[in-house]
Amino acid sequence: MTSYRRYRAEFPFDARDSSELTVHPGDALIVSQTADGTWPDPAKWMKGRNENTEQFGEFPGTYVKLVEEFTVQDTPPLQPPVAPPSRPPVSPPPVSPSSQTPPSRPPVTSPRPPVTSP
């Protein structure tokens, strides 16, 4: 199980670089526990995801208010699909000698002019 906290932004904050998260009053922000199982200090910077914009970054903890704490059941990672059973190789059909040579074409004849006697 993973624990999260949902905060509501009370004040606007404009990100100053790519690591920060822009928030507007009313935005819902989701924060998870740190790797050691503790919660970030709300008097300092927090890292979270803005549910309205789906963006992730840091924002000042003093700009938000705690709404709720909730847990989510962890799911096992998806397993790669199982490969279908292998099939024996398929050989191409045998080639007969007559199919190796191109079909003969009738000779091209040009019409001859009529023979005239002097």
PDB file of N, CA and C in Angstrom:
ATOM      1  N   MET A   1       0.835  -1.175   0.000  1.00  0.00           N
ATOM      2  CA  MET A   1       0.000   0.000   0.000  1.00  0.00           C
ATOM      3  C   MET A   1       0.887   1.247   0.000  1.00  0.00           C
ATOM      4  N   THR A   2       0.470   2.204  -0.791  1.00  0.00           N
ATOM      5  CA  THR A   2       1.182   3.473  -0.855  1.00  0.00           C
ATOM      6  C   THR A   2       0.256   4.560  -0.320  1.00  0.00           C
ATOM      7  N   SER A   3       0.812   5.395   0.554  1.00  0.00           N
ATOM      8  CA  SER A   3       0.020   6.477   1.143  1.00  0.00           C
ATOM      9  C   SER A   3       0.272   7.783   0.409  1.00  0.00           C
ATOM     10  N   TYR A   4      -0.795   8.552   0.249  1.00  0.00           N
ATOM     11  CA  TYR A   4      -0.727   9.844  -0.410  1.00  0.00           C
ATOM     12  C   TYR A   4      -1.495  10.864   0.418  1.00  0.00           C
ATOM     13  N   ARG A   5      -1.202  12.110   0.148  1.00  0.00           N
ATOM     14  CA  ARG A   5      -1.965  13.208   0.731  1.00  0.00           C
ATOM     15  C   ARG A   5      -2.408  14.126  -0.398  1.00  0.00           C
ATOM     16  N   ARG A   6      -3.653  14.561  -0.306  1.00  0.00           N
ATOM     17  CA  ARG A   6      -4.189  15.520  -1.287  1.00  0.00           C
ATOM     18  C   ARG A   6      -4.226  16.879  -0.601  1.00  0.00           C
ATOM     19  N   TYR A   7      -3.640  17.848  -1.277  1.00  0.00           N
ATOM     20  CA  TYR A   7      -3.632  19.232  -0.787  1.00  0.00           C
ATOM     21  C   TYR A   7      -4.415  20.090  -1.766  1.00  0.00           C
ATOM     22  N   ARG A   8      -4.915  21.215  -1.266  1.00  0.00           N
ATOM     23  CA  ARG A   8      -5.605  22.191  -2.107  1.00  0.00           C
ATOM     24  C   ARG A   8      -4.782  23.473  -2.055  1.00  0.00           C
ATOM     25  N   ALA A   9      -4.475  24.019  -3.245  1.00  0.00           N
ATOM     26  CA  ALA A   9      -3.691  25.257  -3.305  1.00  0.00           C
ATOM     27  C   ALA A   9      -4.527  26.414  -2.767  1.00  0.00           C
ATOM     28  N   GLU A  10      -3.949  27.178  -1.870  1.00  0.00           N
ATOM     29  CA  GLU A  10      -4.610  28.349  -1.288  1.00  0.00           C
ATOM     30  C   GLU A  10      -4.168  29.639  -1.981  1.00  0.00           C
ATOM     31  N   PHE A  11      -2.959  29.635  -2.541  1.00  0.00           N
ATOM     32  CA  PHE A  11      -2.386  30.832  -3.154  1.00  0.00           C
ATOM     33  C   PHE A  11      -1.756  30.454  -4.490  1.00  0.00           C
ATOM     34  N   PRO A  12      -1.672  31.395  -5.420  1.00  0.00           N
ATOM     35  CA  PRO A  12      -1.032  31.094  -6.706  1.00  0.00           C
ATOM     36  C   PRO A  12       0.486  31.047  -6.555  1.00  0.00           C
ATOM     37  N   PHE A  13       1.102  30.186  -7.342  1.00  0.00           N
ATOM     38  CA  PHE A  13       2.560  30.114  -7.384  1.00  0.00           C
ATOM     39  C   PHE A  13       2.965  29.855  -8.830  1.00  0.00           C
ATOM     40  N   ASP A  14       3.832  30.724  -9.367  1.00  0.00           N
ATOM     41  CA  ASP A  14       4.340  30.564 -10.729  1.00  0.00           C
ATOM     42  C   ASP A  14       5.725  29.932 -10.680  1.00  0.00           C
ATOM     43  N   ALA A  15       5.855  28.808 -11.368  1.00  0.00           N
ATOM     44  CA  ALA A  15       7.144  28.108 -11.418  1.00  0.00           C
ATOM     45  C   ALA A  15       8.201  29.029 -12.018  1.00  0.00           C
ATOM     46  N   ARG A  16       9.387  28.979 -11.438  1.00  0.00           N
ATOM     47  CA  ARG A  16      10.490  29.801 -11.931  1.00  0.00           C
ATOM     48  C   ARG A  16      11.475  28.995 -12.762  1.00  0.00           C
ATOM     49  N   ASP A  17      11.396  27.658 -12.672  1.00  0.00           N
ATOM     50  CA  ASP A  17      12.239  26.803 -13.513  1.00  0.00           C
ATOM     51  C   ASP A  17      11.524  25.471 -13.715  1.00  0.00           C
ATOM     52  N   SER A  18      12.145  24.558 -14.471  1.00  0.00           N
ATOM     53  CA  SER A  18      11.465  23.310 -14.856  1.00  0.00           C
ATOM     54  C   SER A  18      11.260  22.340 -13.696  1.00  0.00           C
ATOM     55  N   SER A  19      11.932  22.559 -12.556  1.00  0.00           N
ATOM     56  CA  SER A  19      11.746  21.652 -11.415  1.00  0.00           C
ATOM     57  C   SER A  19      10.549  22.066 -10.555  1.00  0.00           C
ATOM     58  N   GLU A  20      10.038  23.286 -10.770  1.00  0.00           N
ATOM     59  CA  GLU A  20       8.940  23.789  -9.961  1.00  0.00           C
ATOM     60  C   GLU A  20       7.600  23.590 -10.666  1.00  0.00           C
ATOM     61  N   LEU A  21       6.534  23.622  -9.880  1.00  0.00           N
ATOM     62  CA  LEU A  21       5.180  23.369 -10.360  1.00  0.00           C
ATOM     63  C   LEU A  21       4.326  24.623 -10.193  1.00  0.00           C
ATOM     64  N   THR A  22       3.747  25.099 -11.271  1.00  0.00           N
ATOM     65  CA  THR A  22       2.819  26.230 -11.196  1.00  0.00           C
ATOM     66  C   THR A  22       1.503  25.735 -10.613  1.00  0.00           C
ATOM     67  N   VAL A  23       0.986  26.452  -9.622  1.00  0.00           N
ATOM     68  CA  VAL A  23      -0.304  26.096  -9.028  1.00  0.00           C
ATOM     69  C   VAL A  23      -1.188  27.338  -8.951  1.00  0.00           C
ATOM     70  N   HIS A  24      -2.490  27.086  -9.010  1.00  0.00           N
ATOM     71  CA  HIS A  24      -3.486  28.144  -8.909  1.00  0.00           C
ATOM     72  C   HIS A  24      -4.407  27.814  -7.741  1.00  0.00           C
ATOM     73  N   PRO A  25      -4.992  28.821  -7.104  1.00  0.00           N
ATOM     74  CA  PRO A  25      -5.907  28.537  -5.999  1.00  0.00           C
ATOM     75  C   PRO A  25      -6.983  27.543  -6.431  1.00  0.00           C
ATOM     76  N   GLY A  26      -7.188  26.533  -5.597  1.00  0.00           N
ATOM     77  CA  GLY A  26      -8.168  25.494  -5.891  1.00  0.00           C
ATOM     78  C   GLY A  26      -7.589  24.249  -6.535  1.00  0.00           C
ATOM     79  N   ASP A  27      -6.361  24.320  -7.068  1.00  0.00           N
ATOM     80  CA  ASP A  27      -5.746  23.136  -7.679  1.00  0.00           C
ATOM     81  C   ASP A  27      -5.569  22.036  -6.636  1.00  0.00           C
ATOM     82  N   ALA A  28      -5.821  20.787  -7.046  1.00  0.00           N
ATOM     83  CA  ALA A  28      -5.598  19.635  -6.174  1.00  0.00           C
ATOM     84  C   ALA A  28      -4.204  19.110  -6.447  1.00  0.00           C
ATOM     85  N   LEU A  29      -3.427  18.932  -5.385  1.00  0.00           N
ATOM     86  CA  LEU A  29      -2.046  18.476  -5.499  1.00  0.00           C
ATOM     87  C   LEU A  29      -1.873  17.192  -4.706  1.00  0.00           C
ATOM     88  N   ILE A  30      -1.268  16.188  -5.321  1.00  0.00           N
ATOM     89  CA  ILE A  30      -1.061  14.894  -4.682  1.00  0.00           C
ATOM     90  C   ILE A  30       0.410  14.756  -4.308  1.00  0.00           C
ATOM     91  N   VAL A  31       0.646  14.412  -3.045  1.00  0.00           N
ATOM     92  CA  VAL A  31       2.000  14.253  -2.523  1.00  0.00           C
ATOM     93  C   VAL A  31       2.100  12.856  -1.922  1.00  0.00           C
ATOM     94  N   SER A  32       3.198  12.138  -2.208  1.00  0.00           N
ATOM     95  CA  SER A  32       3.397  10.808  -1.619  1.00  0.00           C
ATOM     96  C   SER A  32       4.435  10.887  -0.512  1.00  0.00           C
ATOM     97  N   GLN A  33       4.488   9.821   0.290  1.00  0.00           N
ATOM     98  CA  GLN A  33       5.493   9.750   1.343  1.00  0.00           C
ATOM     99  C   GLN A  33       6.879   9.688   0.718  1.00  0.00           C
ATOM    100  N   THR A  34       7.870  10.104   1.476  1.00  0.00           N
ATOM    101  CA  THR A  34       9.245  10.015   1.004  1.00  0.00           C
ATOM    102  C   THR A  34       9.703   8.563   1.078  1.00  0.00           C
ATOM    103  N   ALA A  35      10.874   8.292   0.542  1.00  0.00           N
ATOM    104  CA  ALA A  35      11.390   6.913   0.500  1.00  0.00           C
ATOM    105  C   ALA A  35      11.525   6.301   1.886  1.00  0.00           C
ATOM    106  N   ASP A  36      11.779   7.115   2.906  1.00  0.00           N
ATOM    107  CA  ASP A  36      11.925   6.567   4.261  1.00  0.00           C
ATOM    108  C   ASP A  36      10.589   6.477   5.000  1.00  0.00           C
ATOM    109  N   GLY A  37       9.467   6.744   4.307  1.00  0.00           N
ATOM    110  CA  GLY A  37       8.150   6.585   4.918  1.00  0.00           C
ATOM    111  C   GLY A  37       7.651   7.785   5.681  1.00  0.00           C
ATOM    112  N   THR A  38       8.342   8.908   5.586  1.00  0.00           N
ATOM    113  CA  THR A  38       7.892  10.113   6.284  1.00  0.00           C
ATOM    114  C   THR A  38       7.198  11.050   5.288  1.00  0.00           C
ATOM    115  N   TRP A  39       6.506  12.025   5.841  1.00  0.00           N
ATOM    116  CA  TRP A  39       5.840  13.019   5.003  1.00  0.00           C
ATOM    117  C   TRP A  39       6.718  14.250   4.900  1.00  0.00           C
ATOM    118  N   PRO A  40       6.666  14.956   3.756  1.00  0.00           N
ATOM    119  CA  PRO A  40       7.442  16.196   3.647  1.00  0.00           C
ATOM    120  C   PRO A  40       6.940  17.224   4.647  1.00  0.00           C
ATOM    121  N   ASP A  41       7.844  18.066   5.110  1.00  0.00           N
ATOM    122  CA  ASP A  41       7.502  19.134   6.052  1.00  0.00           C
ATOM    123  C   ASP A  41       6.709  20.208   5.311  1.00  0.00           C
ATOM    124  N   PRO A  42       5.431  20.461   5.702  1.00  0.00           N
ATOM    125  CA  PRO A  42       4.627  21.450   4.990  1.00  0.00           C
ATOM    126  C   PRO A  42       5.157  22.879   5.097  1.00  0.00           C
ATOM    127  N   ALA A  43       6.081  23.103   6.007  1.00  0.00           N
ATOM    128  CA  ALA A  43       6.656  24.445   6.127  1.00  0.00           C
ATOM    129  C   ALA A  43       7.772  24.652   5.111  1.00  0.00           C
ATOM    130  N   LYS A  44       8.111  23.605   4.351  1.00  0.00           N
ATOM    131  CA  LYS A  44       9.185  23.680   3.358  1.00  0.00           C
ATOM    132  C   LYS A  44       8.607  23.384   1.976  1.00  0.00           C
ATOM    133  N   TRP A  45       9.482  23.155   1.036  1.00  0.00           N
ATOM    134  CA  TRP A  45       9.072  22.808  -0.321  1.00  0.00           C
ATOM    135  C   TRP A  45       8.588  21.368  -0.364  1.00  0.00           C
ATOM    136  N   MET A  46       7.576  21.121  -1.182  1.00  0.00           N
ATOM    137  CA  MET A  46       7.021  19.782  -1.347  1.00  0.00           C
ATOM    138  C   MET A  46       7.089  19.406  -2.825  1.00  0.00           C
ATOM    139  N   LYS A  47       7.119  18.097  -3.103  1.00  0.00           N
ATOM    140  CA  LYS A  47       7.067  17.601  -4.474  1.00  0.00           C
ATOM    141  C   LYS A  47       5.748  16.902  -4.668  1.00  0.00           C
ATOM    142  N   GLY A  48       5.096  17.182  -5.772  1.00  0.00           N
ATOM    143  CA  GLY A  48       3.817  16.536  -6.014  1.00  0.00           C
ATOM    144  C   GLY A  48       3.355  16.694  -7.450  1.00  0.00           C
ATOM    145  N   ARG A  49       2.157  16.161  -7.684  1.00  0.00           N
ATOM    146  CA  ARG A  49       1.539  16.191  -9.018  1.00  0.00           C
ATOM    147  C   ARG A  49       0.259  17.007  -8.931  1.00  0.00           C
ATOM    148  N   ASN A  50       0.108  17.910  -9.884  1.00  0.00           N
ATOM    149  CA  ASN A  50      -1.101  18.726  -9.966  1.00  0.00           C
ATOM    150  C   ASN A  50      -2.148  17.888 -10.704  1.00  0.00           C
ATOM    151  N   GLU A  51      -3.249  17.549 -10.034  1.00  0.00           N
ATOM    152  CA  GLU A  51      -4.291  16.718 -10.657  1.00  0.00           C
ATOM    153  C   GLU A  51      -4.978  17.433 -11.818  1.00  0.00           C
ATOM    154  N   ASN A  52      -4.976  18.752 -11.824  1.00  0.00           N
ATOM    155  CA  ASN A  52      -5.638  19.498 -12.897  1.00  0.00           C
ATOM    156  C   ASN A  52      -4.806  19.514 -14.171  1.00  0.00           C
ATOM    157  N   THR A  53      -3.480  19.606 -14.043  1.00  0.00           N
ATOM    158  CA  THR A  53      -2.613  19.726 -15.219  1.00  0.00           C
ATOM    159  C   THR A  53      -1.794  18.465 -15.485  1.00  0.00           C
ATOM    160  N   GLU A  54      -1.785  17.530 -14.538  1.00  0.00           N
ATOM    161  CA  GLU A  54      -0.991  16.289 -14.626  1.00  0.00           C
ATOM    162  C   GLU A  54       0.510  16.568 -14.650  1.00  0.00           C
ATOM    163  N   GLN A  55       0.941  17.763 -14.252  1.00  0.00           N
ATOM    164  CA  GLN A  55       2.363  18.092 -14.208  1.00  0.00           C
ATOM    165  C   GLN A  55       2.907  17.790 -12.813  1.00  0.00           C
ATOM    166  N   PHE A  56       4.228  17.541 -12.747  1.00  0.00           N
ATOM    167  CA  PHE A  56       4.899  17.167 -11.510  1.00  0.00           C
ATOM    168  C   PHE A  56       5.992  18.188 -11.226  1.00  0.00           C
ATOM    169  N   GLY A  57       6.169  18.522  -9.949  1.00  0.00           N
ATOM    170  CA  GLY A  57       7.247  19.439  -9.587  1.00  0.00           C
ATOM    171  C   GLY A  57       7.155  19.847  -8.130  1.00  0.00           C
ATOM    172  N   GLU A  58       8.002  20.814  -7.772  1.00  0.00           N
ATOM    173  CA  GLU A  58       8.072  21.315  -6.401  1.00  0.00           C
ATOM    174  C   GLU A  58       7.242  22.588  -6.262  1.00  0.00           C
ATOM    175  N   PHE A  59       6.685  22.755  -5.076  1.00  0.00           N
ATOM    176  CA  PHE A  59       5.902  23.951  -4.773  1.00  0.00           C
ATOM    177  C   PHE A  59       6.053  24.228  -3.284  1.00  0.00           C
ATOM    178  N   PRO A  60       5.821  25.481  -2.856  1.00  0.00           N
ATOM    179  CA  PRO A  60       5.969  25.807  -1.431  1.00  0.00           C
ATOM    180  C   PRO A  60       4.830  25.191  -0.606  1.00  0.00           C
ATOM    181  N   GLY A  61       5.193  24.474   0.434  1.00  0.00           N
ATOM    182  CA  GLY A  61       4.212  23.833   1.296  1.00  0.00           C
ATOM    183  C   GLY A  61       3.325  24.814   2.030  1.00  0.00           C
ATOM    184  N   THR A  62       3.797  26.030   2.196  1.00  0.00           N
ATOM    185  CA  THR A  62       2.991  27.035   2.902  1.00  0.00           C
ATOM    186  C   THR A  62       1.873  27.593   2.029  1.00  0.00           C
ATOM    187  N   TYR A  63       1.841  27.243   0.731  1.00  0.00           N
ATOM    188  CA  TYR A  63       0.812  27.728  -0.186  1.00  0.00           C
ATOM    189  C   TYR A  63      -0.373  26.779  -0.295  1.00  0.00           C
ATOM    190  N   VAL A  64      -0.313  25.630   0.406  1.00  0.00           N
ATOM    191  CA  VAL A  64      -1.350  24.609   0.256  1.00  0.00           C
ATOM    192  C   VAL A  64      -1.926  24.220   1.613  1.00  0.00           C
ATOM    193  N   LYS A  65      -3.112  23.589   1.561  1.00  0.00           N
ATOM    194  CA  LYS A  65      -3.774  23.128   2.781  1.00  0.00           C
ATOM    195  C   LYS A  65      -4.120  21.650   2.607  1.00  0.00           C
ATOM    196  N   LEU A  66      -3.863  20.838   3.636  1.00  0.00           N
ATOM    197  CA  LEU A  66      -4.153  19.403   3.589  1.00  0.00           C
ATOM    198  C   LEU A  66      -5.663  19.178   3.514  1.00  0.00           C
ATOM    199  N   VAL A  67      -6.080  18.335   2.563  1.00  0.00           N
ATOM    200  CA  VAL A  67      -7.490  18.005   2.393  1.00  0.00           C
ATOM    201  C   VAL A  67      -7.768  16.608   2.916  1.00  0.00           C
ATOM    202  N   GLU A  68      -6.948  15.620   2.481  1.00  0.00           N
ATOM    203  CA  GLU A  68      -7.168  14.239   2.914  1.00  0.00           C
ATOM    204  C   GLU A  68      -5.903  13.405   2.739  1.00  0.00           C
ATOM    205  N   GLU A  69      -5.901  12.282   3.435  1.00  0.00           N
ATOM    206  CA  GLU A  69      -4.836  11.282   3.287  1.00  0.00           C
ATOM    207  C   GLU A  69      -5.515  10.003   2.816  1.00  0.00           C
ATOM    208  N   PHE A  70      -4.910   9.324   1.862  1.00  0.00           N
ATOM    209  CA  PHE A  70      -5.505   8.089   1.361  1.00  0.00           C
ATOM    210  C   PHE A  70      -4.408   7.112   0.960  1.00  0.00           C
ATOM    211  N   THR A  71      -4.776   5.859   0.852  1.00  0.00           N
ATOM    212  CA  THR A  71      -3.824   4.823   0.443  1.00  0.00           C
ATOM    213  C   THR A  71      -4.347   4.140  -0.812  1.00  0.00           C
ATOM    214  N   VAL A  72      -3.418   3.614  -1.579  1.00  0.00           N
ATOM    215  CA  VAL A  72      -3.739   2.910  -2.815  1.00  0.00           C
ATOM    216  C   VAL A  72      -3.057   1.552  -2.762  1.00  0.00           C
ATOM    217  N   GLN A  73      -3.814   0.517  -3.097  1.00  0.00           N
ATOM    218  CA  GLN A  73      -3.255  -0.832  -3.136  1.00  0.00           C
ATOM    219  C   GLN A  73      -2.217  -0.894  -4.248  1.00  0.00           C
ATOM    220  N   ASP A  74      -1.017  -1.316  -3.901  1.00  0.00           N
ATOM    221  CA  ASP A  74       0.028  -1.469  -4.906  1.00  0.00           C
ATOM    222  C   ASP A  74      -0.310  -2.655  -5.789  1.00  0.00           C
ATOM    223  N   THR A  75      -0.057  -2.506  -7.056  1.00  0.00           N
ATOM    224  CA  THR A  75      -0.297  -3.592  -8.001  1.00  0.00           C
ATOM    225  C   THR A  75       1.043  -4.111  -8.489  1.00  0.00           C
ATOM    226  N   PRO A  76       1.120  -5.409  -8.743  1.00  0.00           N
ATOM    227  CA  PRO A  76       2.392  -5.927  -9.242  1.00  0.00           C
ATOM    228  C   PRO A  76       2.677  -5.350 -10.624  1.00  0.00           C
ATOM    229  N   PRO A  77       3.951  -5.257 -10.988  1.00  0.00           N
ATOM    230  CA  PRO A  77       4.265  -4.724 -12.309  1.00  0.00           C
ATOM    231  C   PRO A  77       3.694  -5.628 -13.391  1.00  0.00           C
ATOM    232  N   LEU A  78       3.371  -5.025 -14.493  1.00  0.00           N
ATOM    233  CA  LEU A  78       2.840  -5.800 -15.606  1.00  0.00           C
ATOM    234  C   LEU A  78       3.911  -6.744 -16.140  1.00  0.00           C
ATOM    235  N   GLN A  79       3.495  -7.949 -16.419  1.00  0.00           N
ATOM    236  CA  GLN A  79       4.412  -8.931 -16.988  1.00  0.00           C
ATOM    237  C   GLN A  79       4.383  -8.805 -18.506  1.00  0.00           C
ATOM    238  N   PRO A  80       5.542  -9.036 -19.142  1.00  0.00           N
ATOM    239  CA  PRO A  80       5.522  -8.984 -20.608  1.00  0.00           C
ATOM    240  C   PRO A  80       4.646 -10.107 -21.143  1.00  0.00           C
ATOM    241  N   PRO A  81       4.043  -9.915 -22.294  1.00  0.00           N
ATOM    242  CA  PRO A  81       3.184 -10.964 -22.841  1.00  0.00           C
ATOM    243  C   PRO A  81       3.983 -12.221 -23.129  1.00  0.00           C
ATOM    244  N   VAL A  82       3.328 -13.344 -22.974  1.00  0.00           N
ATOM    245  CA  VAL A  82       3.977 -14.621 -23.232  1.00  0.00           C
ATOM    246  C   VAL A  82       4.028 -14.823 -24.740  1.00  0.00           C
ATOM    247  N   ALA A  83       5.196 -15.237 -25.220  1.00  0.00           N
ATOM    248  CA  ALA A  83       5.363 -15.463 -26.655  1.00  0.00           C
ATOM    249  C   ALA A  83       4.557 -16.684 -27.075  1.00  0.00           C
ATOM    250  N   PRO A  84       3.975 -16.665 -28.256  1.00  0.00           N
ATOM    251  CA  PRO A  84       3.232 -17.838 -28.710  1.00  0.00           C
ATOM    252  C   PRO A  84       4.185 -18.999 -28.922  1.00  0.00           C
ATOM    253  N   PRO A  85       3.672 -20.219 -28.858  1.00  0.00           N
ATOM    254  CA  PRO A  85       4.563 -21.354 -29.053  1.00  0.00           C
ATOM    255  C   PRO A  85       5.206 -21.272 -30.430  1.00  0.00           C
ATOM    256  N   SER A  86       6.463 -21.720 -30.475  1.00  0.00           N
ATOM    257  CA  SER A  86       7.169 -21.637 -31.748  1.00  0.00           C
ATOM    258  C   SER A  86       6.626 -22.678 -32.722  1.00  0.00           C
ATOM    259  N   ARG A  87       6.641 -22.320 -33.956  1.00  0.00           N
ATOM    260  CA  ARG A  87       6.172 -23.213 -35.007  1.00  0.00           C
ATOM    261  C   ARG A  87       7.379 -23.694 -35.801  1.00  0.00           C
ATOM    262  N   PRO A  88       7.275 -24.893 -36.378  1.00  0.00           N
ATOM    263  CA  PRO A  88       8.405 -25.345 -37.195  1.00  0.00           C
ATOM    264  C   PRO A  88       8.531 -24.446 -38.419  1.00  0.00           C
ATOM    265  N   PRO A  89       9.757 -24.273 -38.918  1.00  0.00           N
ATOM    266  CA  PRO A  89       9.923 -23.411 -40.080  1.00  0.00           C
ATOM    267  C   PRO A  89       9.169 -23.976 -41.281  1.00  0.00           C
ATOM    268  N   VAL A  90       8.698 -23.110 -42.100  1.00  0.00           N
ATOM    269  CA  VAL A  90       7.962 -23.508 -43.298  1.00  0.00           C
ATOM    270  C   VAL A  90       8.882 -23.334 -44.495  1.00  0.00           C
ATOM    271  N   SER A  91       9.054 -24.404 -45.255  1.00  0.00           N
ATOM    272  CA  SER A  91       9.892 -24.337 -46.453  1.00  0.00           C
ATOM    273  C   SER A  91       9.063 -23.836 -47.618  1.00  0.00           C
ATOM    274  N   PRO A  92       9.707 -23.098 -48.534  1.00  0.00           N
ATOM    275  CA  PRO A  92       8.959 -22.667 -49.706  1.00  0.00           C
ATOM    276  C   PRO A  92       8.647 -23.874 -50.587  1.00  0.00           C
ATOM    277  N   PRO A  93       7.643 -23.801 -51.418  1.00  0.00           N
ATOM    278  CA  PRO A  93       7.315 -24.936 -52.275  1.00  0.00           C
ATOM    279  C   PRO A  93       8.455 -25.209 -53.240  1.00  0.00           C
ATOM    280  N   PRO A  94       8.620 -26.483 -53.632  1.00  0.00           N
ATOM    281  CA  PRO A  94       9.716 -26.800 -54.556  1.00  0.00           C
ATOM    282  C   PRO A  94       9.499 -26.093 -55.891  1.00  0.00           C
ATOM    283  N   VAL A  95      10.620 -25.746 -56.496  1.00  0.00           N
ATOM    284  CA  VAL A  95      10.575 -25.042 -57.771  1.00  0.00           C
ATOM    285  C   VAL A  95      10.853 -26.051 -58.874  1.00  0.00           C
ATOM    286  N   SER A  96       9.968 -26.141 -59.859  1.00  0.00           N
ATOM    287  CA  SER A  96      10.186 -27.058 -60.975  1.00  0.00           C
ATOM    288  C   SER A  96      11.054 -26.365 -62.009  1.00  0.00           C
ATOM    289  N   PRO A  97      11.843 -27.122 -62.786  1.00  0.00           N
ATOM    290  CA  PRO A  97      12.726 -26.496 -63.775  1.00  0.00           C
ATOM    291  C   PRO A  97      11.969 -25.634 -64.774  1.00  0.00           C
ATOM    292  N   SER A  98      10.765 -26.027 -65.133  1.00  0.00           N
ATOM    293  CA  SER A  98      10.032 -25.226 -66.121  1.00  0.00           C
ATOM    294  C   SER A  98       9.596 -23.887 -65.553  1.00  0.00           C
ATOM    295  N   SER A  99       9.462 -23.782 -64.242  1.00  0.00           N
ATOM    296  CA  SER A  99       9.029 -22.506 -63.681  1.00  0.00           C
ATOM    297  C   SER A  99      10.199 -21.554 -63.495  1.00  0.00           C
ATOM    298  N   GLN A 100      11.449 -22.049 -63.708  1.00  0.00           N
ATOM    299  CA  GLN A 100      12.603 -21.179 -63.552  1.00  0.00           C
ATOM    300  C   GLN A 100      12.882 -20.375 -64.814  1.00  0.00           C
ATOM    301  N   THR A 101      12.454 -20.851 -65.974  1.00  0.00           N
ATOM    302  CA  THR A 101      12.696 -20.119 -67.201  1.00  0.00           C
ATOM    303  C   THR A 101      11.454 -19.319 -67.558  1.00  0.00           C
ATOM    304  N   PRO A 102      11.665 -18.160 -68.097  1.00  0.00           N
ATOM    305  CA  PRO A 102      10.488 -17.363 -68.437  1.00  0.00           C
ATOM    306  C   PRO A 102       9.736 -18.018 -69.590  1.00  0.00           C
ATOM    307  N   PRO A 103       8.467 -17.804 -69.656  1.00  0.00           N
ATOM    308  CA  PRO A 103       7.708 -18.398 -70.756  1.00  0.00           C
ATOM    309  C   PRO A 103       8.175 -17.823 -72.093  1.00  0.00           C
ATOM    310  N   SER A 104       8.139 -18.667 -73.111  1.00  0.00           N
ATOM    311  CA  SER A 104       8.583 -18.196 -74.426  1.00  0.00           C
ATOM    312  C   SER A 104       7.517 -17.303 -75.031  1.00  0.00           C
ATOM    313  N   ARG A 105       7.993 -16.350 -75.789  1.00  0.00           N
ATOM    314  CA  ARG A 105       7.094 -15.419 -76.432  1.00  0.00           C
ATOM    315  C   ARG A 105       7.188 -15.627 -77.936  1.00  0.00           C
ATOM    316  N   PRO A 106       6.109 -15.475 -78.609  1.00  0.00           N
ATOM    317  CA  PRO A 106       6.192 -15.633 -80.064  1.00  0.00           C
ATOM    318  C   PRO A 106       7.106 -14.574 -80.650  1.00  0.00           C
ATOM    319  N   PRO A 107       7.827 -14.931 -81.731  1.00  0.00           N
ATOM    320  CA  PRO A 107       8.734 -13.941 -82.323  1.00  0.00           C
ATOM    321  C   PRO A 107       7.952 -12.755 -82.870  1.00  0.00           C
ATOM    322  N   VAL A 108       8.593 -11.646 -82.783  1.00  0.00           N
ATOM    323  CA  VAL A 108       7.979 -10.424 -83.288  1.00  0.00           C
ATOM    324  C   VAL A 108       8.334 -10.310 -84.764  1.00  0.00           C
ATOM    325  N   THR A 109       7.352 -10.214 -85.595  1.00  0.00           N
ATOM    326  CA  THR A 109       7.602 -10.061 -87.033  1.00  0.00           C
ATOM    327  C   THR A 109       7.057  -8.728 -87.479  1.00  0.00           C
ATOM    328  N   SER A 110       7.815  -8.124 -88.315  1.00  0.00           N
ATOM    329  CA  SER A 110       7.326  -6.853 -88.834  1.00  0.00           C
ATOM    330  C   SER A 110       6.744  -7.103 -90.219  1.00  0.00           C
ATOM    331  N   PRO A 111       5.712  -6.446 -90.582  1.00  0.00           N
ATOM    332  CA  PRO A 111       5.145  -6.674 -91.900  1.00  0.00           C
ATOM    333  C   PRO A 111       6.130  -6.259 -92.993  1.00  0.00           C
ATOM    334  N   ARG A 112       6.249  -7.112 -93.997  1.00  0.00           N
ATOM    335  CA  ARG A 112       7.154  -6.806 -95.101  1.00  0.00           C
ATOM    336  C   ARG A 112       6.368  -6.079 -96.194  1.00  0.00           C
ATOM    337  N   PRO A 113       7.057  -5.211 -96.830  1.00  0.00           N
ATOM    338  CA  PRO A 113       6.354  -4.533 -97.928  1.00  0.00           C
ATOM    339  C   PRO A 113       6.127  -5.530 -99.078  1.00  0.00           C
ATOM    340  N   PRO A 114       5.088  -5.395 -99.811  1.00  0.00           N
ATOM    341  CA  PRO A 114       4.827  -6.330-100.921  1.00  0.00           C
ATOM    342  C   PRO A 114       5.947  -6.253-101.967  1.00  0.00           C
ATOM    343  N   VAL A 115       6.195  -7.385-102.532  1.00  0.00           N
ATOM    344  CA  VAL A 115       7.250  -7.459-103.560  1.00  0.00           C
ATOM    345  C   VAL A 115       6.612  -7.038-104.880  1.00  0.00           C
ATOM    346  N   THR A 116       7.228  -6.139-105.528  1.00  0.00           N
ATOM    347  CA  THR A 116       6.732  -5.674-106.823  1.00  0.00           C
ATOM    348  C   THR A 116       7.715  -6.048-107.901  1.00  0.00           C
ATOM    349  N   SER A 117       7.233  -6.375-109.066  1.00  0.00           N
ATOM    350  CA  SER A 117       8.133  -6.721-110.177  1.00  0.00           C
ATOM    351  C   SER A 117       8.325  -5.496-111.064  1.00  0.00           C
ATOM    352  N   PRO A 118       9.506  -5.417-111.635  1.00  0.00           N
ATOM    353  CA  PRO A 118       9.727  -4.273-112.512  1.00  0.00           C
ATOM    354  C   PRO A 118       9.131  -4.408-113.866  1.00  0.00           C
TER     355      PRO A 118
END
